[in-house]
Amino acid sequence: MSTFKFLIILFSIVLLLSVQACSRTEDKQQQPVFKQVPQIQEIKPERPAKIKLKRDSKEGYSWEISGDDVEEIIKADKKLRKDLKSE
């Protein structure tokens, strides 16, 4: 019976020590690894120019171009004019 009590006391001491070891916190707090960069938050994704190409009964083409970037719209218009005139 005394061996049984000794084992119970030994088990409880080991259990208390392991719980205490797991619950310890360090005084130094770690700095976060990732920081927010304000420049990244201000970037908006670029949307491509939307082109609606129409063909009329006289074998001619017309189109509507819409988008946010004016330079992209002008470039798409020039490319369409060049490609469709060569046909």
PDB file of N, CA and C in Angstrom:
ATOM      1  N   MET A   1       0.812  -1.191   0.000  1.00  0.00           N
ATOM      2  CA  MET A   1       0.000   0.000   0.000  1.00  0.00           C
ATOM      3  C   MET A   1       0.855   1.254   0.000  1.00  0.00           C
ATOM      4  N   SER A   2       1.969   1.217   0.702  1.00  0.00           N
ATOM      5  CA  SER A   2       2.846   2.384   0.740  1.00  0.00           C
ATOM      6  C   SER A   2       3.477   2.630  -0.631  1.00  0.00           C
ATOM      7  N   THR A   3       3.698   1.583  -1.391  1.00  0.00           N
ATOM      8  CA  THR A   3       4.238   1.733  -2.738  1.00  0.00           C
ATOM      9  C   THR A   3       3.224   2.426  -3.638  1.00  0.00           C
ATOM     10  N   PHE A   4       1.966   2.081  -3.444  1.00  0.00           N
ATOM     11  CA  PHE A   4       0.888   2.686  -4.221  1.00  0.00           C
ATOM     12  C   PHE A   4       0.799   4.182  -3.934  1.00  0.00           C
ATOM     13  N   LYS A   5       0.870   4.583  -2.655  1.00  0.00           N
ATOM     14  CA  LYS A   5       0.821   5.992  -2.277  1.00  0.00           C
ATOM     15  C   LYS A   5       2.037   6.737  -2.824  1.00  0.00           C
ATOM     16  N   PHE A   6       3.185   6.090  -2.780  1.00  0.00           N
ATOM     17  CA  PHE A   6       4.402   6.702  -3.292  1.00  0.00           C
ATOM     18  C   PHE A   6       4.285   6.968  -4.799  1.00  0.00           C
ATOM     19  N   LEU A   7       3.728   6.007  -5.537  1.00  0.00           N
ATOM     20  CA  LEU A   7       3.550   6.176  -6.971  1.00  0.00           C
ATOM     21  C   LEU A   7       2.554   7.293  -7.281  1.00  0.00           C
ATOM     22  N   ILE A   8       1.503   7.395  -6.514  1.00  0.00           N
ATOM     23  CA  ILE A   8       0.513   8.454  -6.725  1.00  0.00           C
ATOM     24  C   ILE A   8       1.144   9.821  -6.469  1.00  0.00           C
ATOM     25  N   ILE A   9       1.908   9.949  -5.400  1.00  0.00           N
ATOM     26  CA  ILE A   9       2.567  11.218  -5.086  1.00  0.00           C
ATOM     27  C   ILE A   9       3.587  11.557  -6.167  1.00  0.00           C
ATOM     28  N   LEU A  10       4.356  10.595  -6.614  1.00  0.00           N
ATOM     29  CA  LEU A  10       5.349  10.816  -7.659  1.00  0.00           C
ATOM     30  C   LEU A  10       4.677  11.229  -8.973  1.00  0.00           C
ATOM     31  N   PHE A  11       3.598  10.568  -9.302  1.00  0.00           N
ATOM     32  CA  PHE A  11       2.848  10.893 -10.519  1.00  0.00           C
ATOM     33  C   PHE A  11       2.294  12.313 -10.451  1.00  0.00           C
ATOM     34  N   SER A  12       1.736  12.706  -9.299  1.00  0.00           N
ATOM     35  CA  SER A  12       1.164  14.046  -9.170  1.00  0.00           C
ATOM     36  C   SER A  12       2.246  15.122  -9.256  1.00  0.00           C
ATOM     37  N   ILE A  13       3.432  14.863  -8.714  1.00  0.00           N
ATOM     38  CA  ILE A  13       4.537  15.826  -8.792  1.00  0.00           C
ATOM     39  C   ILE A  13       4.985  15.999 -10.241  1.00  0.00           C
ATOM     40  N   VAL A  14       5.113  14.893 -10.952  1.00  0.00           N
ATOM     41  CA  VAL A  14       5.522  14.959 -12.365  1.00  0.00           C
ATOM     42  C   VAL A  14       4.459  15.696 -13.174  1.00  0.00           C
ATOM     43  N   LEU A  15       3.210  15.445 -12.898  1.00  0.00           N
ATOM     44  CA  LEU A  15       2.115  16.105 -13.602  1.00  0.00           C
ATOM     45  C   LEU A  15       2.133  17.613 -13.343  1.00  0.00           C
ATOM     46  N   LEU A  16       2.327  18.006 -12.088  1.00  0.00           N
ATOM     47  CA  LEU A  16       2.373  19.434 -11.760  1.00  0.00           C
ATOM     48  C   LEU A  16       3.564  20.123 -12.415  1.00  0.00           C
ATOM     49  N   LEU A  17       4.705  19.466 -12.446  1.00  0.00           N
ATOM     50  CA  LEU A  17       5.876  20.060 -13.081  1.00  0.00           C
ATOM     51  C   LEU A  17       5.685  20.234 -14.589  1.00  0.00           C
ATOM     52  N   SER A  18       5.034  19.274 -15.229  1.00  0.00           N
ATOM     53  CA  SER A  18       4.829  19.379 -16.674  1.00  0.00           C
ATOM     54  C   SER A  18       3.815  20.475 -17.010  1.00  0.00           C
ATOM     55  N   VAL A  19       2.793  20.635 -16.181  1.00  0.00           N
ATOM     56  CA  VAL A  19       1.810  21.693 -16.404  1.00  0.00           C
ATOM     57  C   VAL A  19       2.461  23.056 -16.211  1.00  0.00           C
ATOM     58  N   GLN A  20       3.283  23.179 -15.191  1.00  0.00           N
ATOM     59  CA  GLN A  20       3.957  24.439 -14.933  1.00  0.00           C
ATOM     60  C   GLN A  20       4.932  24.774 -16.060  1.00  0.00           C
ATOM     61  N   ALA A  21       5.601  23.790 -16.609  1.00  0.00           N
ATOM     62  CA  ALA A  21       6.551  24.021 -17.695  1.00  0.00           C
ATOM     63  C   ALA A  21       5.837  24.469 -18.965  1.00  0.00           C
ATOM     64  N   CYS A  22       4.658  23.962 -19.191  1.00  0.00           N
ATOM     65  CA  CYS A  22       3.905  24.334 -20.389  1.00  0.00           C
ATOM     66  C   CYS A  22       3.268  25.710 -20.268  1.00  0.00           C
ATOM     67  N   SER A  23       2.995  26.143 -19.060  1.00  0.00           N
ATOM     68  CA  SER A  23       2.303  27.407 -18.885  1.00  0.00           C
ATOM     69  C   SER A  23       3.245  28.590 -18.693  1.00  0.00           C
ATOM     70  N   ARG A  24       4.533  28.370 -18.720  1.00  0.00           N
ATOM     71  CA  ARG A  24       5.492  29.466 -18.558  1.00  0.00           C
ATOM     72  C   ARG A  24       5.472  30.372 -19.776  1.00  0.00           C
ATOM     73  N   THR A  25       5.552  31.665 -19.541  1.00  0.00           N
ATOM     74  CA  THR A  25       5.656  32.615 -20.645  1.00  0.00           C
ATOM     75  C   THR A  25       6.938  33.405 -20.485  1.00  0.00           C
ATOM     76  N   GLU A  26       7.522  33.759 -21.594  1.00  0.00           N
ATOM     77  CA  GLU A  26       8.747  34.538 -21.553  1.00  0.00           C
ATOM     78  C   GLU A  26       8.400  36.009 -21.347  1.00  0.00           C
ATOM     79  N   ASP A  27       9.291  36.741 -20.727  1.00  0.00           N
ATOM     80  CA  ASP A  27       9.059  38.156 -20.494  1.00  0.00           C
ATOM     81  C   ASP A  27       9.163  38.963 -21.786  1.00  0.00           C
ATOM     82  N   LYS A  28      10.010  38.514 -22.688  1.00  0.00           N
ATOM     83  CA  LYS A  28      10.182  39.220 -23.955  1.00  0.00           C
ATOM     84  C   LYS A  28       9.083  38.788 -24.921  1.00  0.00           C
ATOM     85  N   GLN A  29       8.381  39.763 -25.461  1.00  0.00           N
ATOM     86  CA  GLN A  29       7.369  39.452 -26.458  1.00  0.00           C
ATOM     87  C   GLN A  29       8.000  39.562 -27.837  1.00  0.00           C
ATOM     88  N   GLN A  30       7.683  38.630 -28.681  1.00  0.00           N
ATOM     89  CA  GLN A  30       8.258  38.618 -30.023  1.00  0.00           C
ATOM     90  C   GLN A  30       7.530  39.645 -30.889  1.00  0.00           C
ATOM     91  N   GLN A  31       8.290  40.310 -31.728  1.00  0.00           N
ATOM     92  CA  GLN A  31       7.732  41.260 -32.675  1.00  0.00           C
ATOM     93  C   GLN A  31       7.061  40.493 -33.810  1.00  0.00           C
ATOM     94  N   PRO A  32       5.974  41.006 -34.361  1.00  0.00           N
ATOM     95  CA  PRO A  32       5.339  40.303 -35.473  1.00  0.00           C
ATOM     96  C   PRO A  32       6.261  40.278 -36.689  1.00  0.00           C
ATOM     97  N   VAL A  33       6.206  39.173 -37.396  1.00  0.00           N
ATOM     98  CA  VAL A  33       7.083  38.979 -38.540  1.00  0.00           C
ATOM     99  C   VAL A  33       6.608  39.818 -39.731  1.00  0.00           C
ATOM    100  N   PHE A  34       5.302  39.883 -39.941  1.00  0.00           N
ATOM    101  CA  PHE A  34       4.745  40.589 -41.086  1.00  0.00           C
ATOM    102  C   PHE A  34       4.259  41.959 -40.656  1.00  0.00           C
ATOM    103  N   LYS A  35       4.689  42.969 -41.384  1.00  0.00           N
ATOM    104  CA  LYS A  35       4.242  44.328 -41.119  1.00  0.00           C
ATOM    105  C   LYS A  35       3.427  44.800 -42.312  1.00  0.00           C
ATOM    106  N   GLN A  36       2.447  45.636 -42.063  1.00  0.00           N
ATOM    107  CA  GLN A  36       1.637  46.165 -43.149  1.00  0.00           C
ATOM    108  C   GLN A  36       2.398  47.283 -43.839  1.00  0.00           C
ATOM    109  N   VAL A  37       2.440  47.206 -45.145  1.00  0.00           N
ATOM    110  CA  VAL A  37       3.079  48.235 -45.944  1.00  0.00           C
ATOM    111  C   VAL A  37       1.961  49.067 -46.580  1.00  0.00           C
ATOM    112  N   PRO A  38       1.895  50.370 -46.281  1.00  0.00           N
ATOM    113  CA  PRO A  38       0.776  51.173 -46.798  1.00  0.00           C
ATOM    114  C   PRO A  38       0.750  51.274 -48.317  1.00  0.00           C
ATOM    115  N   GLN A  39       1.898  51.139 -48.979  1.00  0.00           N
ATOM    116  CA  GLN A  39       1.920  51.234 -50.436  1.00  0.00           C
ATOM    117  C   GLN A  39       1.172  50.073 -51.076  1.00  0.00           C
ATOM    118  N   ILE A  40       1.218  48.915 -50.456  1.00  0.00           N
ATOM    119  CA  ILE A  40       0.548  47.746 -51.016  1.00  0.00           C
ATOM    120  C   ILE A  40      -0.968  47.905 -50.921  1.00  0.00           C
ATOM    121  N   GLN A  41      -1.447  48.528 -49.891  1.00  0.00           N
ATOM    122  CA  GLN A  41      -2.878  48.685 -49.710  1.00  0.00           C
ATOM    123  C   GLN A  41      -3.471  49.670 -50.715  1.00  0.00           C
ATOM    124  N   GLU A  42      -2.665  50.586 -51.249  1.00  0.00           N
ATOM    125  CA  GLU A  42      -3.173  51.602 -52.148  1.00  0.00           C
ATOM    126  C   GLU A  42      -3.223  51.137 -53.601  1.00  0.00           C
ATOM    127  N   ILE A  43      -2.592  50.031 -53.923  1.00  0.00           N
ATOM    128  CA  ILE A  43      -2.556  49.550 -55.303  1.00  0.00           C
ATOM    129  C   ILE A  43      -3.894  48.910 -55.651  1.00  0.00           C
ATOM    130  N   LYS A  44      -4.470  49.363 -56.763  1.00  0.00           N
ATOM    131  CA  LYS A  44      -5.719  48.778 -57.244  1.00  0.00           C
ATOM    132  C   LYS A  44      -5.401  47.903 -58.452  1.00  0.00           C
ATOM    133  N   PRO A  45      -6.081  46.800 -58.593  1.00  0.00           N
ATOM    134  CA  PRO A  45      -5.812  45.931 -59.748  1.00  0.00           C
ATOM    135  C   PRO A  45      -6.253  46.610 -61.044  1.00  0.00           C
ATOM    136  N   GLU A  46      -5.466  46.398 -62.091  1.00  0.00           N
ATOM    137  CA  GLU A  46      -5.802  46.979 -63.383  1.00  0.00           C
ATOM    138  C   GLU A  46      -6.822  46.102 -64.095  1.00  0.00           C
ATOM    139  N   ARG A  47      -7.835  46.755 -64.612  1.00  0.00           N
ATOM    140  CA  ARG A  47      -8.832  46.027 -65.382  1.00  0.00           C
ATOM    141  C   ARG A  47      -8.548  46.249 -66.865  1.00  0.00           C
ATOM    142  N   PRO A  48      -8.602  45.211 -67.659  1.00  0.00           N
ATOM    143  CA  PRO A  48      -8.325  45.375 -69.093  1.00  0.00           C
ATOM    144  C   PRO A  48      -9.463  46.117 -69.790  1.00  0.00           C
ATOM    145  N   ALA A  49      -9.155  46.643 -70.960  1.00  0.00           N
ATOM    146  CA  ALA A  49     -10.171  47.319 -71.759  1.00  0.00           C
ATOM    147  C   ALA A  49     -11.153  46.280 -72.294  1.00  0.00           C
ATOM    148  N   LYS A  50     -12.434  46.615 -72.253  1.00  0.00           N
ATOM    149  CA  LYS A  50     -13.468  45.711 -72.768  1.00  0.00           C
ATOM    150  C   LYS A  50     -13.815  46.138 -74.189  1.00  0.00           C
ATOM    151  N   ILE A  51     -13.826  45.178 -75.095  1.00  0.00           N
ATOM    152  CA  ILE A  51     -14.089  45.459 -76.505  1.00  0.00           C
ATOM    153  C   ILE A  51     -15.325  44.679 -76.937  1.00  0.00           C
ATOM    154  N   LYS A  52     -16.305  45.397 -77.484  1.00  0.00           N
ATOM    155  CA  LYS A  52     -17.488  44.757 -78.072  1.00  0.00           C
ATOM    156  C   LYS A  52     -17.385  44.938 -79.583  1.00  0.00           C
ATOM    157  N   LEU A  53     -17.083  43.862 -80.277  1.00  0.00           N
ATOM    158  CA  LEU A  53     -16.888  43.883 -81.722  1.00  0.00           C
ATOM    159  C   LEU A  53     -18.197  43.506 -82.409  1.00  0.00           C
ATOM    160  N   LYS A  54     -18.600  44.325 -83.398  1.00  0.00           N
ATOM    161  CA  LYS A  54     -19.855  44.084 -84.123  1.00  0.00           C
ATOM    162  C   LYS A  54     -19.551  44.011 -85.620  1.00  0.00           C
ATOM    163  N   ARG A  55     -20.262  43.124 -86.287  1.00  0.00           N
ATOM    164  CA  ARG A  55     -20.102  42.987 -87.742  1.00  0.00           C
ATOM    165  C   ARG A  55     -21.442  43.313 -88.389  1.00  0.00           C
ATOM    166  N   ASP A  56     -21.416  44.217 -89.360  1.00  0.00           N
ATOM    167  CA  ASP A  56     -22.672  44.591 -90.015  1.00  0.00           C
ATOM    168  C   ASP A  56     -22.880  43.771 -91.288  1.00  0.00           C
ATOM    169  N   SER A  57     -23.973  44.020 -91.978  1.00  0.00           N
ATOM    170  CA  SER A  57     -24.329  43.206 -93.147  1.00  0.00           C
ATOM    171  C   SER A  57     -23.451  43.504 -94.359  1.00  0.00           C
ATOM    172  N   LYS A  58     -22.730  44.608 -94.344  1.00  0.00           N
ATOM    173  CA  LYS A  58     -21.880  44.970 -95.476  1.00  0.00           C
ATOM    174  C   LYS A  58     -20.436  44.527 -95.278  1.00  0.00           C
ATOM    175  N   GLU A  59     -20.208  43.501 -94.463  1.00  0.00           N
ATOM    176  CA  GLU A  59     -18.873  42.977 -94.180  1.00  0.00           C
ATOM    177  C   GLU A  59     -17.980  43.998 -93.464  1.00  0.00           C
ATOM    178  N   GLY A  60     -18.575  44.983 -92.829  1.00  0.00           N
ATOM    179  CA  GLY A  60     -17.810  45.982 -92.086  1.00  0.00           C
ATOM    180  C   GLY A  60     -17.844  45.671 -90.593  1.00  0.00           C
ATOM    181  N   TYR A  61     -16.936  46.264 -89.900  1.00  0.00           N
ATOM    182  CA  TYR A  61     -16.844  46.048 -88.457  1.00  0.00           C
ATOM    183  C   TYR A  61     -16.967  47.377 -87.720  1.00  0.00           C
ATOM    184  N   SER A  62     -17.524  47.316 -86.539  1.00  0.00           N
ATOM    185  CA  SER A  62     -17.526  48.453 -85.616  1.00  0.00           C
ATOM    186  C   SER A  62     -17.307  47.888 -84.215  1.00  0.00           C
ATOM    187  N   TRP A  63     -16.873  48.743 -83.306  1.00  0.00           N
ATOM    188  CA  TRP A  63     -16.583  48.277 -81.955  1.00  0.00           C
ATOM    189  C   TRP A  63     -16.792  49.363 -80.930  1.00  0.00           C
ATOM    190  N   GLU A  64     -17.011  48.910 -79.737  1.00  0.00           N
ATOM    191  CA  GLU A  64     -17.113  49.797 -78.577  1.00  0.00           C
ATOM    192  C   GLU A  64     -16.032  49.360 -77.587  1.00  0.00           C
ATOM    193  N   ILE A  65     -15.235  50.325 -77.156  1.00  0.00           N
ATOM    194  CA  ILE A  65     -14.170  50.026 -76.206  1.00  0.00           C
ATOM    195  C   ILE A  65     -14.433  50.809 -74.927  1.00  0.00           C
ATOM    196  N   SER A  66     -14.374  50.120 -73.797  1.00  0.00           N
ATOM    197  CA  SER A  66     -14.548  50.790 -72.508  1.00  0.00           C
ATOM    198  C   SER A  66     -13.483  50.284 -71.546  1.00  0.00           C
ATOM    199  N   GLY A  67     -13.118  51.144 -70.610  1.00  0.00           N
ATOM    200  CA  GLY A  67     -12.104  50.763 -69.636  1.00  0.00           C
ATOM    201  C   GLY A  67     -11.692  51.948 -68.788  1.00  0.00           C
ATOM    202  N   ASP A  68     -10.787  51.721 -67.847  1.00  0.00           N
ATOM    203  CA  ASP A  68     -10.341  52.773 -66.938  1.00  0.00           C
ATOM    204  C   ASP A  68      -9.133  53.528 -67.475  1.00  0.00           C
ATOM    205  N   ASP A  69      -8.251  52.837 -68.200  1.00  0.00           N
ATOM    206  CA  ASP A  69      -7.003  53.430 -68.660  1.00  0.00           C
ATOM    207  C   ASP A  69      -7.169  53.926 -70.096  1.00  0.00           C
ATOM    208  N   VAL A  70      -7.024  55.249 -70.298  1.00  0.00           N
ATOM    209  CA  VAL A  70      -7.220  55.846 -71.618  1.00  0.00           C
ATOM    210  C   VAL A  70      -6.162  55.353 -72.606  1.00  0.00           C
ATOM    211  N   GLU A  71      -4.935  55.235 -72.145  1.00  0.00           N
ATOM    212  CA  GLU A  71      -3.867  54.766 -73.030  1.00  0.00           C
ATOM    213  C   GLU A  71      -4.127  53.346 -73.518  1.00  0.00           C
ATOM    214  N   GLU A  72      -4.645  52.513 -72.654  1.00  0.00           N
ATOM    215  CA  GLU A  72      -4.979  51.132 -73.024  1.00  0.00           C
ATOM    216  C   GLU A  72      -6.099  51.110 -74.068  1.00  0.00           C
ATOM    217  N   ILE A  73      -7.072  52.003 -73.928  1.00  0.00           N
ATOM    218  CA  ILE A  73      -8.183  52.079 -74.882  1.00  0.00           C
ATOM    219  C   ILE A  73      -7.674  52.531 -76.250  1.00  0.00           C
ATOM    220  N   ILE A  74      -6.814  53.547 -76.258  1.00  0.00           N
ATOM    221  CA  ILE A  74      -6.268  54.042 -77.527  1.00  0.00           C
ATOM    222  C   ILE A  74      -5.421  52.972 -78.210  1.00  0.00           C
ATOM    223  N   LYS A  75      -4.626  52.256 -77.432  1.00  0.00           N
ATOM    224  CA  LYS A  75      -3.791  51.190 -77.996  1.00  0.00           C
ATOM    225  C   LYS A  75      -4.664  50.082 -78.598  1.00  0.00           C
ATOM    226  N   ALA A  76      -5.748  49.710 -77.913  1.00  0.00           N
ATOM    227  CA  ALA A  76      -6.644  48.674 -78.430  1.00  0.00           C
ATOM    228  C   ALA A  76      -7.337  49.147 -79.705  1.00  0.00           C
ATOM    229  N   ASP A  77      -7.725  50.431 -79.763  1.00  0.00           N
ATOM    230  CA  ASP A  77      -8.380  50.977 -80.948  1.00  0.00           C
ATOM    231  C   ASP A  77      -7.430  50.955 -82.144  1.00  0.00           C
ATOM    232  N   LYS A  78      -6.181  51.376 -81.944  1.00  0.00           N
ATOM    233  CA  LYS A  78      -5.199  51.368 -83.038  1.00  0.00           C
ATOM    234  C   LYS A  78      -4.958  49.957 -83.540  1.00  0.00           C
ATOM    235  N   LYS A  79      -4.870  49.007 -82.621  1.00  0.00           N
ATOM    236  CA  LYS A  79      -4.621  47.621 -83.010  1.00  0.00           C
ATOM    237  C   LYS A  79      -5.799  47.065 -83.805  1.00  0.00           C
ATOM    238  N   LEU A  80      -7.019  47.383 -83.378  1.00  0.00           N
ATOM    239  CA  LEU A  80      -8.203  46.914 -84.131  1.00  0.00           C
ATOM    240  C   LEU A  80      -8.250  47.527 -85.511  1.00  0.00           C
ATOM    241  N   ARG A  81      -7.978  48.824 -85.615  1.00  0.00           N
ATOM    242  CA  ARG A  81      -7.999  49.486 -86.937  1.00  0.00           C
ATOM    243  C   ARG A  81      -6.957  48.863 -87.870  1.00  0.00           C
ATOM    244  N   LYS A  82      -5.764  48.607 -87.340  1.00  0.00           N
ATOM    245  CA  LYS A  82      -4.689  48.027 -88.155  1.00  0.00           C
ATOM    246  C   LYS A  82      -5.039  46.604 -88.582  1.00  0.00           C
ATOM    247  N   ASP A  83      -5.509  45.779 -87.650  1.00  0.00           N
ATOM    248  CA  ASP A  83      -5.798  44.371 -87.962  1.00  0.00           C
ATOM    249  C   ASP A  83      -6.998  44.219 -88.878  1.00  0.00           C
ATOM    250  N   LEU A  84      -8.030  45.035 -88.716  1.00  0.00           N
ATOM    251  CA  LEU A  84      -9.232  44.864 -89.517  1.00  0.00           C
ATOM    252  C   LEU A  84      -9.102  45.503 -90.900  1.00  0.00           C
ATOM    253  N   LYS A  85      -8.216  46.457 -91.090  1.00  0.00           N
ATOM    254  CA  LYS A  85      -7.989  47.032 -92.417  1.00  0.00           C
ATOM    255  C   LYS A  85      -7.194  46.098 -93.300  1.00  0.00           C
ATOM    256  N   SER A  86      -6.381  45.240 -92.698  1.00  0.00           N
ATOM    257  CA  SER A  86      -5.548  44.337 -93.500  1.00  0.00           C
ATOM    258  C   SER A  86      -6.350  43.185 -94.093  1.00  0.00           C
ATOM    259  N   GLU A  87      -7.569  42.980 -93.642  1.00  0.00           N
ATOM    260  CA  GLU A  87      -8.391  41.870 -94.168  1.00  0.00           C
ATOM    261  C   GLU A  87      -9.099  42.224 -95.428  1.00  0.00           C
TER     262      GLU A  87
END
